[in-house]
Amino acid sequence: MTDHELLAEAQAASANAYAPYSNFHVGAAALLRDGGVITGVNVENAAYPLGVCAERCALSCAAAEGVRPGDVEAVAITASPCGGCRQWLAEFKVDRVIFLHEGEVLTRTPAELLPDSFVL
């Protein structure tokens, strides 16, 4: 699967986002090393900090299916990942992150997005 195809999966998933407060629908698609794709969306909550970003949703769904760090080749997101999500991407040892930023498709490694990330 190409990066643009993966981003298209994320864009399609964004239609399912639950964003009644911001109306900012974000989708993410995680490409597994076995070729599978797991999508996620942002889910807002009236208690605003309790919402979930699309990429964390996708990685959480992947973890629920037995995916572990190193099993995810790439994650595509329809928006630039926040700082917390950048840590998630680093911890899951994702090879590359494809995302839209100001209308441009960018590809970065988690280390480029979050230098000096936390490591246990």
Protein backbone atom coordinates (compact mmCIF):
# COMPACT_ATOMS: atom_id res chain seq x y z
CA MET A 1 0.00 0.00 0.00
CA THR A 2 1.37 3.43 -0.92
CA ASP A 3 1.49 6.33 1.51
CA HIS A 4 -1.19 8.14 -0.53
CA GLU A 5 -3.46 5.08 -0.38
CA LEU A 6 -2.95 4.91 3.38
CA LEU A 7 -3.79 8.59 3.70
CA ALA A 8 -6.94 7.98 1.63
CA GLU A 9 -7.91 5.29 4.19
CA ALA A 10 -7.44 7.85 6.96
CA GLN A 11 -9.52 10.42 5.07
CA ALA A 12 -12.33 7.89 4.59
CA ALA A 13 -12.24 7.00 8.30
CA SER A 14 -12.51 10.68 9.30
CA ALA A 15 -16.17 10.62 8.22
CA ASN A 16 -16.83 8.49 11.33
CA ALA A 17 -15.22 10.90 13.80
CA TYR A 18 -17.30 12.03 16.76
CA ALA A 19 -16.54 15.75 16.91
CA PRO A 20 -19.72 17.60 17.99
CA TYR A 21 -17.77 20.35 19.77
CA SER A 22 -14.99 21.27 17.34
CA ASN A 23 -16.49 19.82 14.14
CA PHE A 24 -12.86 18.93 13.30
CA HIS A 25 -13.01 15.38 11.97
CA VAL A 26 -9.69 13.53 12.02
CA GLY A 27 -8.98 10.05 10.72
CA ALA A 28 -5.93 7.82 11.05
CA ALA A 29 -4.90 4.58 9.39
CA ALA A 30 -2.20 2.28 10.74
CA LEU A 31 -0.47 0.01 8.22
CA LEU A 32 0.65 -3.20 9.89
CA ARG A 33 3.72 -5.10 8.74
CA ASP A 34 1.46 -7.99 7.69
CA GLY A 35 -0.39 -5.63 5.29
CA GLY A 36 -3.45 -5.12 7.46
CA VAL A 37 -4.85 -1.65 8.08
CA ILE A 38 -6.53 -0.48 11.28
CA THR A 39 -8.29 2.87 11.31
CA GLY A 40 -9.22 5.25 14.07
CA VAL A 41 -10.98 8.58 14.51
CA ASN A 42 -11.00 11.39 17.00
CA VAL A 43 -13.69 11.05 19.66
CA GLU A 44 -14.53 14.20 21.60
CA ASN A 45 -16.07 14.42 25.05
CA ALA A 46 -17.84 17.26 26.87
CA ALA A 47 -15.06 16.99 29.46
CA TYR A 48 -12.63 18.14 26.79
CA PRO A 49 -9.38 16.55 28.02
CA LEU A 50 -11.05 13.13 27.93
CA GLY A 51 -11.28 13.07 24.14
CA VAL A 52 -9.16 10.69 22.08
CA CYS A 53 -7.08 11.58 19.04
CA ALA A 54 -7.49 9.54 15.85
CA GLU A 55 -4.00 8.04 15.89
CA ARG A 56 -4.29 6.98 19.53
CA CYS A 57 -7.65 5.42 18.68
CA ALA A 58 -6.09 3.46 15.78
CA LEU A 59 -3.12 2.31 17.87
CA SER A 60 -5.40 1.35 20.77
CA CYS A 61 -7.59 -0.72 18.42
CA ALA A 62 -4.43 -2.31 17.03
CA ALA A 63 -3.20 -3.15 20.54
CA ALA A 64 -6.59 -4.72 21.32
CA GLU A 65 -5.96 -7.04 18.36
CA GLY A 66 -2.52 -8.05 19.63
CA VAL A 67 -0.38 -5.54 17.72
CA ARG A 68 2.72 -4.53 19.64
CA PRO A 69 5.51 -1.97 19.21
CA GLY A 70 7.38 -2.66 16.00
CA ASP A 71 4.36 -4.24 14.28
CA VAL A 72 3.20 -0.95 12.71
CA GLU A 73 4.97 0.15 9.56
CA ALA A 74 3.26 3.51 9.05
CA VAL A 75 0.45 5.68 10.34
CA ALA A 76 -1.36 8.20 8.14
CA ILE A 77 -3.29 11.03 9.78
CA THR A 78 -5.49 13.74 8.28
CA ALA A 79 -3.90 16.36 10.58
CA SER A 80 -0.55 17.00 12.22
CA PRO A 81 -0.18 14.81 15.33
CA CYS A 82 -0.22 16.49 18.73
CA GLY A 83 2.69 16.10 21.14
CA GLY A 84 1.08 13.27 23.11
CA CYS A 85 0.37 11.33 19.94
CA ARG A 86 3.94 11.85 18.79
CA GLN A 87 5.04 10.00 21.94
CA TRP A 88 2.58 7.19 21.13
CA LEU A 89 3.98 6.92 17.59
CA ALA A 90 7.52 6.76 18.98
CA GLU A 91 6.61 4.17 21.60
CA PHE A 92 4.92 1.95 19.01
CA LYS A 93 8.13 2.16 16.94
CA VAL A 94 6.30 3.29 13.80
CA ASP A 95 8.69 3.65 10.85
CA ARG A 96 7.01 6.67 9.27
CA VAL A 97 4.15 9.06 9.86
CA ILE A 98 2.26 10.52 6.91
CA PHE A 99 0.09 13.54 7.66
CA LEU A 100 -1.53 16.63 6.24
CA HIS A 101 -0.11 19.94 7.38
CA GLU A 102 -1.48 23.16 5.90
CA GLY A 103 -2.64 21.26 2.81
CA GLU A 104 0.71 19.55 2.21
CA VAL A 105 1.37 15.81 2.63
CA LEU A 106 4.42 15.31 4.84
CA THR A 107 6.26 12.15 5.84
CA ARG A 108 8.40 12.07 8.96
CA THR A 109 9.83 9.56 11.38
CA PRO A 110 8.63 9.68 14.98
CA ALA A 111 12.15 10.82 15.99
CA GLU A 112 11.88 13.77 13.61
CA LEU A 113 8.49 14.66 15.07
CA LEU A 114 9.56 14.23 18.68
CA PRO A 115 13.29 14.33 19.31
CA ASP A 116 14.36 13.08 22.73
CA SER A 117 11.09 11.20 23.31
CA PHE A 118 10.56 9.31 26.55
CA VAL A 119 12.05 5.81 26.54
CA LEU A 120 11.70 3.30 29.36
